[in-house]
């Protein structure tokens, strides 16, 4: 849809501004996978110079999503209104631009 294309365009434009070794956080207040995990997966296909590393924080454990299409490890944060009380549905993933070798 047009919204998904706009999200891809915005994410690509932001990624173009990230220096090697730098990071970009993609977040959206949406329960829809097509606006969240799928957008990150699409960017990783378009931009193989980016990666989405596993999250290594015990404090975020209740909010971690399995996101199998992002490598099967816990690589994003996801809240659900029906599971986490008075919190809106939300998604966030940290993307890192790989260092240039050489």
C-alpha atoms as a PDB file:
ATOM      1  CA  UNK A   1       0.000   0.000   0.000  1.00  0.00           C
ATOM      2  CA  UNK A   2       0.970   3.652  -0.160  1.00  0.00           C
ATOM      3  CA  UNK A   3       1.612   3.809   3.597  1.00  0.00           C
ATOM      4  CA  UNK A   4       4.030   0.894   3.498  1.00  0.00           C
ATOM      5  CA  UNK A   5       5.879   2.469   0.577  1.00  0.00           C
ATOM      6  CA  UNK A   6       6.082   5.754   2.502  1.00  0.00           C
ATOM      7  CA  UNK A   7       7.493   3.924   5.530  1.00  0.00           C
ATOM      8  CA  UNK A   8      10.080   2.214   3.300  1.00  0.00           C
ATOM      9  CA  UNK A   9      11.008   5.534   1.692  1.00  0.00           C
ATOM     10  CA  UNK A  10      11.406   7.259   5.075  1.00  0.00           C
ATOM     11  CA  UNK A  11      13.470   4.411   6.487  1.00  0.00           C
ATOM     12  CA  UNK A  12      15.713   4.355   3.395  1.00  0.00           C
ATOM     13  CA  UNK A  13      16.203   8.136   3.587  1.00  0.00           C
ATOM     14  CA  UNK A  14      17.145   7.902   7.269  1.00  0.00           C
ATOM     15  CA  UNK A  15      19.493   4.975   6.577  1.00  0.00           C
ATOM     16  CA  UNK A  16      21.310   7.050   3.962  1.00  0.00           C
ATOM     17  CA  UNK A  17      22.255   9.526   6.712  1.00  0.00           C
ATOM     18  CA  UNK A  18      23.859   6.945   9.014  1.00  0.00           C
ATOM     19  CA  UNK A  19      27.659   6.734   8.995  1.00  0.00           C
ATOM     20  CA  UNK A  20      29.393   3.335   9.119  1.00  0.00           C
ATOM     21  CA  UNK A  21      29.276   2.123  12.714  1.00  0.00           C
ATOM     22  CA  UNK A  22      26.315   4.390  13.450  1.00  0.00           C
ATOM     23  CA  UNK A  23      22.838   3.326  14.483  1.00  0.00           C
ATOM     24  CA  UNK A  24      19.247   4.043  13.568  1.00  0.00           C
ATOM     25  CA  UNK A  25      16.181   3.201  15.628  1.00  0.00           C
ATOM     26  CA  UNK A  26      13.014   2.389  13.721  1.00  0.00           C
ATOM     27  CA  UNK A  27       9.886   2.607  15.822  1.00  0.00           C
ATOM     28  CA  UNK A  28       6.195   2.672  15.102  1.00  0.00           C
ATOM     29  CA  UNK A  29       3.065   2.681  17.245  1.00  0.00           C
ATOM     30  CA  UNK A  30       1.321  -0.127  15.416  1.00  0.00           C
ATOM     31  CA  UNK A  31       0.251  -3.697  16.165  1.00  0.00           C
ATOM     32  CA  UNK A  32       0.655  -4.581  12.488  1.00  0.00           C
ATOM     33  CA  UNK A  33       3.598  -6.757  11.486  1.00  0.00           C
ATOM     34  CA  UNK A  34       3.506  -5.265   7.972  1.00  0.00           C
ATOM     35  CA  UNK A  35       4.342  -1.842   9.459  1.00  0.00           C
ATOM     36  CA  UNK A  36       6.975  -3.150  11.868  1.00  0.00           C
ATOM     37  CA  UNK A  37       9.043  -6.336  11.466  1.00  0.00           C
ATOM     38  CA  UNK A  38       8.313  -6.469   7.729  1.00  0.00           C
ATOM     39  CA  UNK A  39       9.631  -2.932   7.163  1.00  0.00           C
ATOM     40  CA  UNK A  40      12.880  -3.759   8.987  1.00  0.00           C
ATOM     41  CA  UNK A  41      13.250  -7.024   7.043  1.00  0.00           C
ATOM     42  CA  UNK A  42      12.692  -5.129   3.763  1.00  0.00           C
ATOM     43  CA  UNK A  43      15.360  -2.555   4.662  1.00  0.00           C
ATOM     44  CA  UNK A  44      17.849  -5.309   5.471  1.00  0.00           C
ATOM     45  CA  UNK A  45      17.282  -6.732   1.976  1.00  0.00           C
ATOM     46  CA  UNK A  46      17.666  -3.312   0.315  1.00  0.00           C
ATOM     47  CA  UNK A  47      20.630  -2.301   2.471  1.00  0.00           C
ATOM     48  CA  UNK A  48      22.891  -5.284   3.239  1.00  0.00           C
ATOM     49  CA  UNK A  49      25.273  -2.818   4.900  1.00  0.00           C
ATOM     50  CA  UNK A  50      22.834  -2.714   7.855  1.00  0.00           C
ATOM     51  CA  UNK A  51      22.173  -5.322  10.516  1.00  0.00           C
ATOM     52  CA  UNK A  52      19.677  -5.699  13.344  1.00  0.00           C
ATOM     53  CA  UNK A  53      21.655  -7.067  16.305  1.00  0.00           C
ATOM     54  CA  UNK A  54      20.140  -9.148  19.103  1.00  0.00           C
ATOM     55  CA  UNK A  55      18.951  -7.204  22.142  1.00  0.00           C
ATOM     56  CA  UNK A  56      21.033  -7.957  25.218  1.00  0.00           C
ATOM     57  CA  UNK A  57      19.035  -6.390  28.046  1.00  0.00           C
ATOM     58  CA  UNK A  58      17.314  -8.375  30.771  1.00  0.00           C
ATOM     59  CA  UNK A  59      15.248  -5.283  31.651  1.00  0.00           C
ATOM     60  CA  UNK A  60      13.471  -5.510  28.294  1.00  0.00           C
ATOM     61  CA  UNK A  61      12.697  -9.234  28.600  1.00  0.00           C
ATOM     62  CA  UNK A  62       8.897  -8.832  28.934  1.00  0.00           C
ATOM     63  CA  UNK A  63       8.787  -6.756  25.730  1.00  0.00           C
ATOM     64  CA  UNK A  64      11.090  -8.729  23.437  1.00  0.00           C
ATOM     65  CA  UNK A  65       9.679 -10.171  20.242  1.00  0.00           C
ATOM     66  CA  UNK A  66      10.960 -13.382  18.666  1.00  0.00           C
ATOM     67  CA  UNK A  67      10.746 -11.955  15.128  1.00  0.00           C
ATOM     68  CA  UNK A  68      11.815 -15.182  13.435  1.00  0.00           C
ATOM     69  CA  UNK A  69      12.257 -13.488  10.055  1.00  0.00           C
ATOM     70  CA  UNK A  70      14.923 -11.256  11.598  1.00  0.00           C
ATOM     71  CA  UNK A  71      17.197 -14.186  12.301  1.00  0.00           C
ATOM     72  CA  UNK A  72      15.291 -16.076  14.967  1.00  0.00           C
ATOM     73  CA  UNK A  73      16.861 -14.134  17.837  1.00  0.00           C
ATOM     74  CA  UNK A  74      15.296 -11.419  19.946  1.00  0.00           C
ATOM     75  CA  UNK A  75      16.031  -8.409  17.789  1.00  0.00           C
ATOM     76  CA  UNK A  76      13.150  -6.033  18.459  1.00  0.00           C
ATOM     77  CA  UNK A  77      10.985  -4.636  21.226  1.00  0.00           C
ATOM     78  CA  UNK A  78       7.245  -5.086  20.974  1.00  0.00           C
ATOM     79  CA  UNK A  79       4.505  -4.040  23.386  1.00  0.00           C
ATOM     80  CA  UNK A  80       0.912  -5.181  23.154  1.00  0.00           C
ATOM     81  CA  UNK A  81      -1.993  -3.333  24.742  1.00  0.00           C
ATOM     82  CA  UNK A  82      -3.717  -6.593  25.750  1.00  0.00           C
ATOM     83  CA  UNK A  83      -0.556  -8.045  27.362  1.00  0.00           C
ATOM     84  CA  UNK A  84       1.262  -5.102  28.937  1.00  0.00           C
ATOM     85  CA  UNK A  85      -1.566  -3.189  30.559  1.00  0.00           C
ATOM     86  CA  UNK A  86      -1.926   0.502  29.897  1.00  0.00           C
ATOM     87  CA  UNK A  87       0.671   0.598  27.112  1.00  0.00           C
ATOM     88  CA  UNK A  88      -0.121   1.133  23.450  1.00  0.00           C
ATOM     89  CA  UNK A  89       0.982  -1.430  20.897  1.00  0.00           C
ATOM     90  CA  UNK A  90       4.503  -0.403  19.902  1.00  0.00           C
ATOM     91  CA  UNK A  91       7.497  -1.730  17.960  1.00  0.00           C
ATOM     92  CA  UNK A  92      11.169  -0.714  17.946  1.00  0.00           C
ATOM     93  CA  UNK A  93      14.318  -2.121  16.372  1.00  0.00           C
ATOM     94  CA  UNK A  94      17.885  -0.837  16.452  1.00  0.00           C
ATOM     95  CA  UNK A  95      19.677  -0.981  13.114  1.00  0.00           C
ATOM     96  CA  UNK A  96      23.443  -0.614  12.847  1.00  0.00           C
ATOM     97  CA  UNK A  97      25.325   0.288   9.701  1.00  0.00           C
ATOM     98  CA  UNK A  98      28.257  -2.093   9.369  1.00  0.00           C
ATOM     99  CA  UNK A  99      31.788  -0.753   9.514  1.00  0.00           C
ATOM    100  CA  UNK A 100      33.615  -0.486   6.206  1.00  0.00           C
ATOM    101  CA  UNK A 101      36.372  -3.083   5.966  1.00  0.00           C
ATOM    102  CA  UNK A 102      39.722  -2.024   4.634  1.00  0.00           C
END
